[in-house]
Amino acid sequence: MRLHTLVAAVGAALILSGCVTSRGLDPQGTLTDPSSLHAERSLAKVPVSPAGWPAADWWTGLGDSQLSSLIEEALKDNPDLATADARVRQAQAQSGSADAARDPTFNVGGGVAGAHLPGSLLPDPPGNHFSWTKYGYGSFNWDLDLWGGKRAAFEATVGSQRAAEVDARAARIEISTNVARAYTQLGYAFTQLDVANAELDRTHASQKLTVQRVAAGVDNQMQVKQADSEVASAEREIAVAQRAIDSSRTSLSVLLGKGPDRGLDIARPAALTPAAVAIPANLPADLLGHRADLVAARWRVEAASKDIVSAKKAFLPNVTLGVLAAQLAGGTENLFASQARFWQVLPAFSLPIFDGGRLRANLAGKDADYDLAVAQYNKTLVGALNEVQDDLSGLDSIGTQIQAQQRAQDAAQQAYDLSQQRYKAGVGSYLESLVVRQQLLEAEQRMASLKAQQVDTSVQLIQALGGGFRPAADDPSVVTAAPATH
């Protein structure tokens, strides 16, 4: 077929392409502009720092070397990381397959066939004879991808690959923060156990004293039963605290990718220092490049937009080129010496005229995928900004509560000291001192809880600010993602 004939055929196909059309099918999703999410009033009282983004090794600022070792161990052995890495390799393979589909193919082959032809159908020869036929061939095929549909499909897989790569980094951030939070809970559980043991000692002393007072006729059995109840309650709190220790150790063992015995080797955590509270300038916009989940969501929007392009190109005519060459030899003839050879050139085009709505249904599905990706991105963006504000608000509230609780604890400590002085001076009773001691232990318990909440919330704020994520050198922090309109 001559070139002008092929061009004419393509032109005719373009005229007929209106038979199957994508008209009326477009995505509805719109990406949320970060600047439209106002947070100025909510963050007005929070100090702003140009260095407010967490460092990659932010956990070192919490002040416990054992925690740093545990996070490093988890980042090496956690099974979820192997899953994330496998998904990256899977996405890379899909991208490679889509890229290879754009290239021409060349194949060679050959074979031998033997047949006996009946004399009742064919004269002799070849009838009533068994003969061999040998053949070899080579073929070349190339889809010209005139409209870039395969290229768009490849670019879609690249977007999915980038999203998977960022997801793998997000998994590491999540694991590091989960280890820090579980470690914080372990430290708090040990403090709970300390307070519960001190309370048990106090209740035993109160019980013993009450028994003595009943024997002296000062108190009655009602006071004894009350003392027995306090002892039982203290014993229950010890069991609760011990269970919290075991649970936290188990959680850490899972995060470390080890068996439960690994948790038993974790020493009691030191007191952790909450992360410094500050936010970066221009938070809403800059958050896009520091949150792995946001970057991954943008890549998915980009991939979905390329899928739409690829689906639209399927409505257009397509041209392929093919070349086939073959050589045959019969009987005992050498295949390579045979003169029985042929070749042909196969330019062809295809055009969807009627497909029962398959192409439109496919495009409608891609539009919906895009809208879903946009909605997920918008949800992630709104959630990310509000997470930062909520964690900052939580830290502010906890700080105020700690100040008030410190005053309450100081007052309880002073009351206990005075009760001890009164008892030693013979003015007050030992039972009175034990009652005041209970108030002090309750104050210490509440303070320990608040400090654990403060550290935990500071870790959540670090995660909300990206957990130290930085885009790779070849990654834009904000991906331009909008479906093509052509």
Protein backbone atom coordinates (compact mmCIF):
# COMPACT_ATOMS: atom_id res chain seq x y z
CA MET A 1 0.00 0.00 0.00
CA ARG A 2 1.38 3.36 -0.97
CA LEU A 3 1.85 6.09 1.60
CA HIS A 4 -0.81 8.40 0.12
CA THR A 5 -3.30 5.53 0.21
CA LEU A 6 -2.60 5.01 3.94
CA VAL A 7 -2.98 8.74 4.61
CA ALA A 8 -6.29 8.75 2.76
CA ALA A 9 -7.50 5.82 4.82
CA VAL A 10 -6.58 7.58 8.05
CA GLY A 11 -8.35 10.74 6.90
CA ALA A 12 -11.49 8.80 6.13
CA ALA A 13 -11.27 7.19 9.54
CA LEU A 14 -11.11 10.58 11.21
CA ILE A 15 -14.30 11.61 9.44
CA LEU A 16 -16.04 8.46 10.63
CA SER A 17 -14.73 8.76 14.18
CA GLY A 18 -17.85 10.58 15.24
CA CYS A 19 -19.62 7.22 15.30
CA VAL A 20 -18.17 6.52 18.79
CA THR A 21 -17.60 9.72 20.73
CA SER A 22 -16.53 10.79 24.21
CA ARG A 23 -18.67 13.93 24.12
CA GLY A 24 -20.45 14.67 27.39
CA LEU A 25 -18.04 12.68 29.55
CA ASP A 26 -15.83 14.77 31.84
CA PRO A 27 -14.62 14.49 35.45
CA GLN A 28 -16.32 16.63 38.08
CA GLY A 29 -13.66 16.80 40.80
CA THR A 30 -11.85 20.06 41.62
CA LEU A 31 -8.67 20.23 43.66
CA THR A 32 -8.92 22.32 46.81
CA ASP A 33 -6.64 25.36 46.86
CA PRO A 34 -4.66 25.32 50.14
CA SER A 35 -4.99 29.10 50.39
CA SER A 36 -8.76 28.70 50.66
CA LEU A 37 -8.36 26.78 53.94
CA HIS A 38 -8.03 29.63 56.40
CA ALA A 39 -6.23 28.95 59.66
CA GLU A 40 -4.95 32.42 60.56
CA ARG A 41 -7.18 32.93 63.60
CA SER A 42 -6.79 29.36 64.86
CA LEU A 43 -2.99 29.61 64.74
CA ALA A 44 -2.66 33.27 65.68
CA LYS A 45 -1.21 32.58 69.15
CA VAL A 46 1.20 29.84 68.11
CA PRO A 47 4.86 30.88 67.66
CA VAL A 48 6.09 30.71 64.08
CA SER A 49 9.56 29.42 63.24
CA PRO A 50 11.28 29.15 59.85
CA ALA A 51 12.80 25.90 61.15
CA GLY A 52 9.47 24.57 62.39
CA TRP A 53 9.42 21.47 60.20
CA PRO A 54 10.50 18.29 62.04
CA ALA A 55 13.93 16.86 61.35
CA ALA A 56 14.25 13.43 59.76
CA ASP A 57 15.54 12.04 63.09
CA TRP A 58 13.10 14.03 65.23
CA TRP A 59 12.96 11.31 67.90
CA THR A 60 16.45 12.17 69.13
CA GLY A 61 14.96 15.35 70.57
CA LEU A 62 12.85 13.32 73.02
CA GLY A 63 15.98 12.55 75.02
CA ASP A 64 16.10 8.73 75.27
CA SER A 65 18.80 6.73 73.49
CA GLN A 66 16.87 3.48 73.97
CA LEU A 67 13.95 4.98 72.04
CA SER A 68 16.30 5.94 69.19
CA SER A 69 17.61 2.36 69.04
CA LEU A 70 14.10 0.94 69.02
CA ILE A 71 12.99 3.19 66.17
CA GLU A 72 16.05 2.27 64.13
CA GLU A 73 15.32 -1.42 64.77
CA ALA A 74 11.69 -1.00 63.73
CA LEU A 75 12.69 0.82 60.54
CA LYS A 76 14.83 -2.18 59.65
CA ASP A 77 12.63 -5.13 60.64
CA ASN A 78 8.97 -4.06 60.63
CA PRO A 79 7.01 -6.32 58.21
CA ASP A 80 4.84 -3.44 57.02
CA LEU A 81 7.93 -1.91 55.41
CA ALA A 82 8.53 -5.08 53.41
CA THR A 83 4.91 -4.85 52.22
CA ALA A 84 5.35 -1.21 51.21
CA ASP A 85 8.61 -1.96 49.40
CA ALA A 86 6.99 -4.87 47.55
CA ARG A 87 4.22 -2.55 46.38
CA VAL A 88 6.86 -0.17 45.05
CA ARG A 89 8.47 -2.99 43.06
CA GLN A 90 5.04 -4.04 41.81
CA ALA A 91 4.32 -0.49 40.64
CA GLN A 92 7.75 -0.29 38.99
CA ALA A 93 7.05 -3.51 37.10
CA GLN A 94 3.69 -2.18 35.90
CA SER A 95 5.36 1.01 34.76
CA GLY A 96 8.00 -0.95 32.89
CA SER A 97 5.34 -3.07 31.22
CA ALA A 98 3.40 0.02 30.09
CA ASP A 99 6.59 1.57 28.74
CA ALA A 100 7.48 -1.60 26.83
CA ALA A 101 4.02 -1.63 25.23
CA ARG A 102 4.96 1.58 23.38
CA ASP A 103 7.93 -0.06 21.59
CA PRO A 104 7.85 -2.16 18.42
CA THR A 105 8.17 -5.94 18.69
CA PHE A 106 10.27 -8.33 16.63
CA ASN A 107 9.78 -12.09 16.78
CA VAL A 108 11.34 -15.07 15.05
CA GLY A 109 10.18 -18.65 15.00
CA GLY A 110 10.15 -21.84 13.05
CA GLY A 111 8.95 -25.40 13.06
CA VAL A 112 8.58 -28.70 11.26
CA ALA A 113 5.29 -30.30 10.25
CA GLY A 114 4.75 -33.78 8.84
CA ALA A 115 1.60 -34.89 7.01
CA HIS A 116 0.24 -37.86 5.03
CA LEU A 117 -2.16 -36.75 2.31
CA PRO A 118 -4.78 -39.31 1.17
CA GLY A 119 -4.72 -40.36 -2.47
CA SER A 120 -8.50 -40.18 -2.59
CA LEU A 121 -8.26 -36.41 -2.36
CA LEU A 122 -4.99 -35.70 -4.16
CA PRO A 123 -3.21 -37.46 -7.02
CA ASP A 124 0.03 -39.33 -6.47
CA PRO A 125 2.21 -37.42 -5.63
CA PRO A 126 1.66 -35.73 -3.26
CA GLY A 127 -1.23 -38.06 -2.39
CA ASN A 128 -0.39 -41.39 -0.70
CA HIS A 129 2.87 -39.90 0.58
CA PHE A 130 4.11 -38.72 3.95
CA SER A 131 6.20 -35.57 3.68
CA TRP A 132 7.84 -33.01 5.93
CA THR A 133 7.61 -29.26 5.64
CA LYS A 134 10.05 -26.95 7.41
CA TYR A 135 9.50 -23.24 7.91
CA GLY A 136 11.04 -20.23 9.55
CA TYR A 137 9.72 -16.70 9.92
CA GLY A 138 10.37 -13.28 11.34
CA SER A 139 7.77 -10.64 12.20
CA PHE A 140 7.88 -6.96 13.09
CA ASN A 141 4.94 -5.02 14.55
CA TRP A 142 4.65 -1.43 15.68
CA ASP A 143 1.67 0.45 17.03
CA LEU A 144 2.37 4.03 15.96
CA ASP A 145 0.38 5.52 18.89
CA LEU A 146 -0.48 8.53 16.75
CA TRP A 147 -2.48 10.27 19.48
CA GLY A 148 -0.31 9.42 22.47
CA GLY A 149 -2.75 7.08 24.20
CA LYS A 150 -0.09 4.54 25.13
CA ARG A 151 2.22 7.29 26.29
CA ALA A 152 -0.53 8.60 28.57
CA ALA A 153 -1.10 5.09 29.91
CA PHE A 154 2.61 4.84 30.66
CA GLU A 155 2.59 8.22 32.40
CA ALA A 156 -0.34 7.04 34.51
CA THR A 157 1.70 4.07 35.73
CA VAL A 158 4.59 6.42 36.49
CA GLY A 159 2.25 8.46 38.70
CA SER A 160 1.12 5.31 40.49
CA GLN A 161 4.74 4.29 40.93
CA ARG A 162 5.64 7.64 42.47
CA ALA A 163 2.65 7.36 44.80
CA ALA A 164 3.79 3.91 45.92
CA GLU A 165 7.31 5.20 46.54
CA VAL A 166 5.99 8.04 48.70
CA ASP A 167 3.67 5.60 50.49
CA ALA A 168 6.73 3.54 51.43
CA ARG A 169 8.30 6.60 53.01
CA ALA A 170 5.02 7.42 54.75
CA ALA A 171 5.00 3.92 56.22
CA ARG A 172 8.41 4.58 57.80
CA ILE A 173 7.18 7.83 59.31
CA GLU A 174 4.10 6.13 60.73
CA ILE A 175 6.16 3.33 62.24
CA SER A 176 8.60 5.74 63.90
CA THR A 177 5.78 7.75 65.46
CA ASN A 178 3.95 4.60 66.56
CA VAL A 179 7.09 3.33 68.29
CA ALA A 180 7.51 6.65 70.10
CA ARG A 181 3.87 6.66 71.21
CA ALA A 182 3.98 3.04 72.41
CA TYR A 183 7.22 3.81 74.23
CA THR A 184 5.55 6.81 75.91
CA GLN A 185 2.70 4.58 77.04
CA LEU A 186 5.20 2.09 78.43
CA GLY A 187 6.85 4.81 80.50
CA TYR A 188 3.48 5.99 81.79
CA ALA A 189 2.47 2.42 82.70
CA PHE A 190 5.59 2.09 84.86
CA THR A 191 4.67 5.35 86.62
CA GLN A 192 1.16 4.00 87.14
CA LEU A 193 2.67 0.92 88.74
CA ASP A 194 4.81 3.06 91.07
CA VAL A 195 1.79 5.02 92.25
CA ALA A 196 -0.30 1.85 92.61
CA ASN A 197 2.40 0.20 94.74
CA ALA A 198 2.66 3.32 96.90
CA GLU A 199 -1.10 3.32 97.29
CA LEU A 200 -1.06 -0.35 98.28
CA ASP A 201 1.53 0.39 100.98
CA ARG A 202 -0.63 3.25 102.20
CA THR A 203 -3.81 1.15 102.31
CA HIS A 204 -2.02 -1.66 104.16
CA ALA A 205 -0.82 0.83 106.75
CA SER A 206 -4.31 2.31 107.03
CA GLN A 207 -5.84 -1.16 107.34
CA LYS A 208 -3.41 -2.15 110.08
CA LEU A 209 -4.06 1.05 111.99
CA THR A 210 -7.83 0.66 111.66
CA VAL A 211 -7.68 -2.87 113.03
CA GLN A 212 -5.73 -1.55 116.02
CA ARG A 213 -8.28 1.22 116.56
CA VAL A 214 -11.16 -1.28 116.46
CA ALA A 215 -9.37 -3.43 119.03
CA ALA A 216 -9.01 -0.33 121.19
CA GLY A 217 -12.71 0.43 120.80
CA VAL A 218 -12.11 3.67 118.89
CA ASP A 219 -13.48 2.47 115.52
CA ASN A 220 -15.93 -0.23 114.48
CA GLN A 221 -16.06 -2.95 111.82
CA MET A 222 -17.42 -0.53 109.23
CA GLN A 223 -14.07 1.27 109.16
CA VAL A 224 -12.29 -2.08 108.83
CA LYS A 225 -14.38 -3.03 105.81
CA GLN A 226 -13.69 0.36 104.23
CA ALA A 227 -9.96 -0.21 104.74
CA ASP A 228 -10.27 -3.71 103.23
CA SER A 229 -11.99 -2.19 100.19
CA GLU A 230 -9.18 0.33 99.73
CA VAL A 231 -6.60 -2.48 99.83
CA ALA A 232 -8.51 -4.47 97.20
CA SER A 233 -8.81 -1.39 94.99
CA ALA A 234 -5.05 -0.75 95.24
CA GLU A 235 -4.34 -4.38 94.31
CA ARG A 236 -6.63 -3.99 91.29
CA GLU A 237 -4.76 -0.85 90.19
CA ILE A 238 -1.47 -2.76 90.37
CA ALA A 239 -2.92 -5.41 88.08
CA VAL A 240 -4.17 -2.71 85.69
CA ALA A 241 -0.75 -1.05 85.59
CA GLN A 242 1.05 -4.36 85.05
CA ARG A 243 -1.32 -5.18 82.23
CA ALA A 244 -0.60 -1.78 80.65
CA ILE A 245 3.14 -2.53 80.83
CA ASP A 246 2.66 -5.93 79.18
CA SER A 247 0.40 -4.46 76.49
CA SER A 248 2.86 -1.67 75.66
CA ARG A 249 5.73 -4.16 75.44
CA THR A 250 3.68 -6.36 73.12
CA SER A 251 2.85 -3.37 70.92
CA LEU A 252 6.53 -2.52 70.69
CA SER A 253 7.42 -6.14 69.86
CA VAL A 254 4.96 -6.04 66.95
CA LEU A 255 6.35 -2.73 65.71
CA LEU A 256 9.89 -4.11 65.94
CA GLY A 257 8.86 -7.17 63.94
CA LYS A 258 9.92 -9.52 66.74
CA GLY A 259 8.37 -12.07 69.07
CA PRO A 260 6.90 -11.13 72.47
CA ASP A 261 10.16 -11.91 74.30
CA ARG A 262 11.73 -8.87 72.59
CA GLY A 263 9.44 -6.62 74.58
CA LEU A 264 10.62 -8.13 77.84
CA ASP A 265 14.15 -6.88 77.12
CA ILE A 266 13.05 -3.25 76.88
CA ALA A 267 14.18 -1.37 79.97
CA ARG A 268 11.99 1.12 81.75
CA PRO A 269 11.88 4.31 79.65
CA ALA A 270 13.47 7.48 80.91
CA ALA A 271 11.33 10.59 81.28
CA LEU A 272 10.81 11.96 77.76
CA THR A 273 11.08 15.62 76.83
CA PRO A 274 8.12 16.87 74.75
CA ALA A 275 8.97 18.24 71.33
CA ALA A 276 9.30 22.02 71.08
CA VAL A 277 6.08 23.66 69.90
CA ALA A 278 6.37 25.90 66.84
CA ILE A 279 4.80 25.98 63.41
CA PRO A 280 6.42 26.87 60.09
CA ALA A 281 5.47 30.02 58.26
CA ASN A 282 2.95 29.72 55.40
CA LEU A 283 1.73 26.45 56.87
CA PRO A 284 -1.23 25.55 54.59
CA ALA A 285 0.69 25.82 51.31
CA ASP A 286 4.01 24.43 52.52
CA LEU A 287 2.27 21.46 54.18
CA LEU A 288 1.77 20.03 50.68
CA GLY A 289 5.45 19.28 50.33
CA HIS A 290 6.03 18.00 53.86
CA ARG A 291 3.22 15.46 54.23
CA ALA A 292 3.91 12.16 52.49
CA ASP A 293 0.22 11.27 52.33
CA LEU A 294 -0.53 14.56 50.55
CA VAL A 295 2.27 14.09 48.02
CA ALA A 296 1.12 10.51 47.35
CA ALA A 297 -2.47 11.71 46.95
CA ARG A 298 -1.37 14.31 44.38
CA TRP A 299 0.52 11.66 42.42
CA ARG A 300 -2.64 9.55 42.35
CA VAL A 301 -4.58 12.49 40.96
CA GLU A 302 -1.88 12.88 38.31
CA ALA A 303 -2.08 9.18 37.44
CA ALA A 304 -5.87 9.33 37.19
CA SER A 305 -5.69 12.35 34.87
CA LYS A 306 -3.35 10.46 32.52
CA ASP A 307 -5.71 7.48 32.56
CA ILE A 308 -8.44 9.81 31.29
CA VAL A 309 -6.18 10.93 28.43
CA SER A 310 -5.44 7.31 27.52
CA ALA A 311 -9.14 6.38 27.63
CA LYS A 312 -10.05 9.31 25.35
CA LYS A 313 -7.45 8.34 22.77
CA ALA A 314 -9.09 4.95 22.40
CA PHE A 315 -11.97 6.70 20.59
CA LEU A 316 -9.62 7.75 17.78
CA PRO A 317 -8.42 5.61 14.88
CA ASN A 318 -5.18 3.75 15.32
CA VAL A 319 -2.46 2.77 12.82
CA THR A 320 -0.11 -0.19 13.09
CA LEU A 321 2.72 -1.34 10.85
CA GLY A 322 3.64 -4.99 10.37
CA VAL A 323 6.24 -6.89 8.37
CA LEU A 324 6.29 -10.66 7.95
CA ALA A 325 8.98 -12.70 6.20
CA ALA A 326 9.06 -16.51 5.95
CA GLN A 327 10.92 -19.33 4.23
CA LEU A 328 9.70 -22.90 3.62
CA ALA A 329 11.34 -26.14 2.56
CA GLY A 330 9.78 -29.53 1.84
CA GLY A 331 11.03 -33.06 2.26
CA THR A 332 14.76 -33.27 2.84
CA GLU A 333 15.51 -29.87 1.36
CA ASN A 334 17.69 -27.57 3.50
CA LEU A 335 15.50 -24.78 4.88
CA PHE A 336 18.19 -22.13 4.45
CA ALA A 337 18.94 -23.22 0.88
CA SER A 338 15.30 -23.21 -0.16
CA GLN A 339 14.08 -20.63 -2.62
CA ALA A 340 10.53 -20.83 -1.25
CA ARG A 341 10.37 -17.58 0.61
CA PHE A 342 7.92 -14.70 0.88
CA TRP A 343 7.44 -11.44 2.71
CA GLN A 344 4.69 -8.91 3.19
CA VAL A 345 4.16 -5.45 4.65
CA LEU A 346 0.98 -5.00 6.68
CA PRO A 347 0.05 -1.39 7.39
CA ALA A 348 -3.37 -1.30 9.01
CA PHE A 349 -5.69 0.99 10.83
CA SER A 350 -8.58 0.40 13.20
CA LEU A 351 -11.54 2.56 14.09
CA PRO A 352 -14.25 1.97 16.70
CA ILE A 353 -17.63 2.30 14.95
CA PHE A 354 -19.92 0.46 17.35
CA ASP A 355 -18.77 -1.22 20.55
CA GLY A 356 -21.93 -1.41 22.61
CA GLY A 357 -20.79 1.48 24.82
CA ARG A 358 -17.59 -0.16 26.07
CA LEU A 359 -15.33 2.81 25.38
CA ARG A 360 -17.73 5.30 26.95
CA ALA A 361 -18.17 3.09 30.00
CA ASN A 362 -14.40 2.79 30.34
CA LEU A 363 -13.96 6.58 30.08
CA ALA A 364 -16.78 7.16 32.58
CA GLY A 365 -14.98 4.84 34.96
CA LYS A 366 -11.71 6.74 34.53
CA ASP A 367 -13.54 10.03 35.17
CA ALA A 368 -14.93 8.54 38.37
CA ASP A 369 -11.45 7.33 39.37
CA TYR A 370 -10.17 10.87 38.91
CA ASP A 371 -13.00 12.34 40.97
CA LEU A 372 -12.29 9.76 43.68
CA ALA A 373 -8.58 10.64 43.70
CA VAL A 374 -9.40 14.36 43.90
CA ALA A 375 -11.87 13.79 46.72
CA GLN A 376 -9.31 11.73 48.63
CA TYR A 377 -6.69 14.42 48.12
CA ASN A 378 -9.06 17.15 49.31
CA LYS A 379 -10.00 15.07 52.34
CA THR A 380 -6.33 14.46 53.16
CA LEU A 381 -5.50 18.16 52.79
CA VAL A 382 -8.36 19.32 55.02
CA GLY A 383 -7.59 16.62 57.57
CA ALA A 384 -3.87 17.43 57.58
CA LEU A 385 -4.34 21.12 58.34
CA ASN A 386 -6.93 20.43 61.02
CA GLU A 387 -4.71 17.77 62.60
CA VAL A 388 -1.97 20.36 63.04
CA GLN A 389 -4.37 22.85 64.61
CA ASP A 390 -5.95 20.23 66.87
CA ASP A 391 -2.58 18.96 68.12
CA LEU A 392 -1.41 22.52 68.77
CA SER A 393 -4.63 23.25 70.65
CA GLY A 394 -4.23 20.01 72.58
CA LEU A 395 -0.68 20.88 73.60
CA ASP A 396 -1.77 24.34 74.70
CA SER A 397 -4.56 22.87 76.82
CA ILE A 398 -2.33 20.20 78.32
CA GLY A 399 0.27 22.86 79.17
CA THR A 400 -2.36 24.85 81.05
CA GLN A 401 -3.56 21.70 82.81
CA ILE A 402 -0.02 20.79 83.84
CA GLN A 403 0.52 24.23 85.37
CA ALA A 404 -2.70 23.90 87.36
CA GLN A 405 -1.96 20.32 88.33
CA GLN A 406 1.54 21.30 89.44
CA ARG A 407 0.00 23.80 91.86
CA ALA A 408 -2.40 21.11 93.07
CA GLN A 409 0.45 18.64 93.52
CA ASP A 410 2.58 21.17 95.35
CA ALA A 411 -0.32 21.92 97.67
CA ALA A 412 -0.89 18.20 98.27
CA GLN A 413 2.81 17.73 98.99
CA GLN A 414 2.78 20.62 101.46
CA ALA A 415 -0.35 19.24 103.14
CA TYR A 416 1.31 15.85 103.49
CA ASP A 417 4.47 17.39 104.91
CA LEU A 418 2.38 19.33 107.46
CA SER A 419 0.46 16.20 108.42
CA GLN A 420 3.77 14.41 109.01
CA GLN A 421 5.01 17.28 111.16
CA ARG A 422 1.74 17.28 113.16
CA TYR A 423 1.97 13.53 113.68
CA LYS A 424 5.58 13.68 114.82
CA ALA A 425 4.70 16.56 117.15
CA GLY A 426 1.86 14.52 118.65
CA VAL A 427 -0.77 16.97 117.44
CA GLY A 428 -2.19 15.00 114.52
CA SER A 429 -2.84 11.32 114.00
CA TYR A 430 -1.07 8.87 111.74
CA LEU A 431 -4.43 8.04 110.13
CA GLU A 432 -4.87 11.69 109.18
CA SER A 433 -1.44 11.64 107.54
CA LEU A 434 -2.36 8.52 105.57
CA VAL A 435 -5.53 10.20 104.28
CA VAL A 436 -3.52 13.22 103.10
CA ARG A 437 -0.99 10.84 101.53
CA GLN A 438 -3.80 9.43 99.36
CA GLN A 439 -4.54 12.90 98.00
CA LEU A 440 -0.84 13.36 97.13
CA LEU A 441 -0.69 10.04 95.29
CA GLU A 442 -3.79 10.95 93.30
CA ALA A 443 -2.17 14.27 92.36
CA GLU A 444 1.01 12.46 91.25
CA GLN A 445 -1.08 10.05 89.17
CA ARG A 446 -2.87 12.88 87.37
CA MET A 447 0.42 14.69 86.74
CA ALA A 448 2.00 11.57 85.25
CA SER A 449 -1.02 11.14 82.98
CA LEU A 450 -0.83 14.75 81.78
CA LYS A 451 2.90 14.55 81.05
CA ALA A 452 2.40 11.33 79.08
CA GLN A 453 -0.39 13.05 77.11
CA GLN A 454 1.92 15.99 76.47
CA VAL A 455 4.66 13.82 74.99
CA ASP A 456 2.16 11.75 73.01
CA THR A 457 0.47 14.84 71.56
CA SER A 458 3.84 16.36 70.66
CA VAL A 459 4.64 13.18 68.70
CA GLN A 460 1.27 13.42 66.96
CA LEU A 461 2.09 17.03 66.06
CA ILE A 462 5.39 15.89 64.57
CA GLN A 463 3.50 13.36 62.46
CA ALA A 464 0.91 15.98 61.46
CA LEU A 465 3.76 18.22 60.27
CA GLY A 466 5.11 15.43 58.09
CA GLY A 467 7.38 13.53 60.46
CA GLY A 468 10.52 14.81 58.76
CA PHE A 469 9.38 13.96 55.21
CA ARG A 470 11.09 15.76 52.38
CA PRO A 471 10.30 15.12 48.69
CA ALA A 472 13.03 13.42 46.69
CA ALA A 473 15.32 15.67 44.66
CA ASP A 474 13.48 14.82 41.42
CA ASP A 475 10.00 15.14 42.93
CA PRO A 476 8.04 18.37 42.80
CA SER A 477 6.51 19.04 46.19
CA VAL A 478 3.27 19.93 44.46
CA VAL A 479 2.36 17.93 41.39
CA THR A 480 0.38 19.64 38.64
CA ALA A 481 -2.60 17.32 38.27
CA ALA A 482 -5.49 18.20 36.00
CA PRO A 483 -7.18 16.04 33.38
CA ALA A 484 -6.50 16.89 29.77
CA THR A 485 -9.38 18.46 27.93
CA HIS A 486 -8.44 17.37 24.42
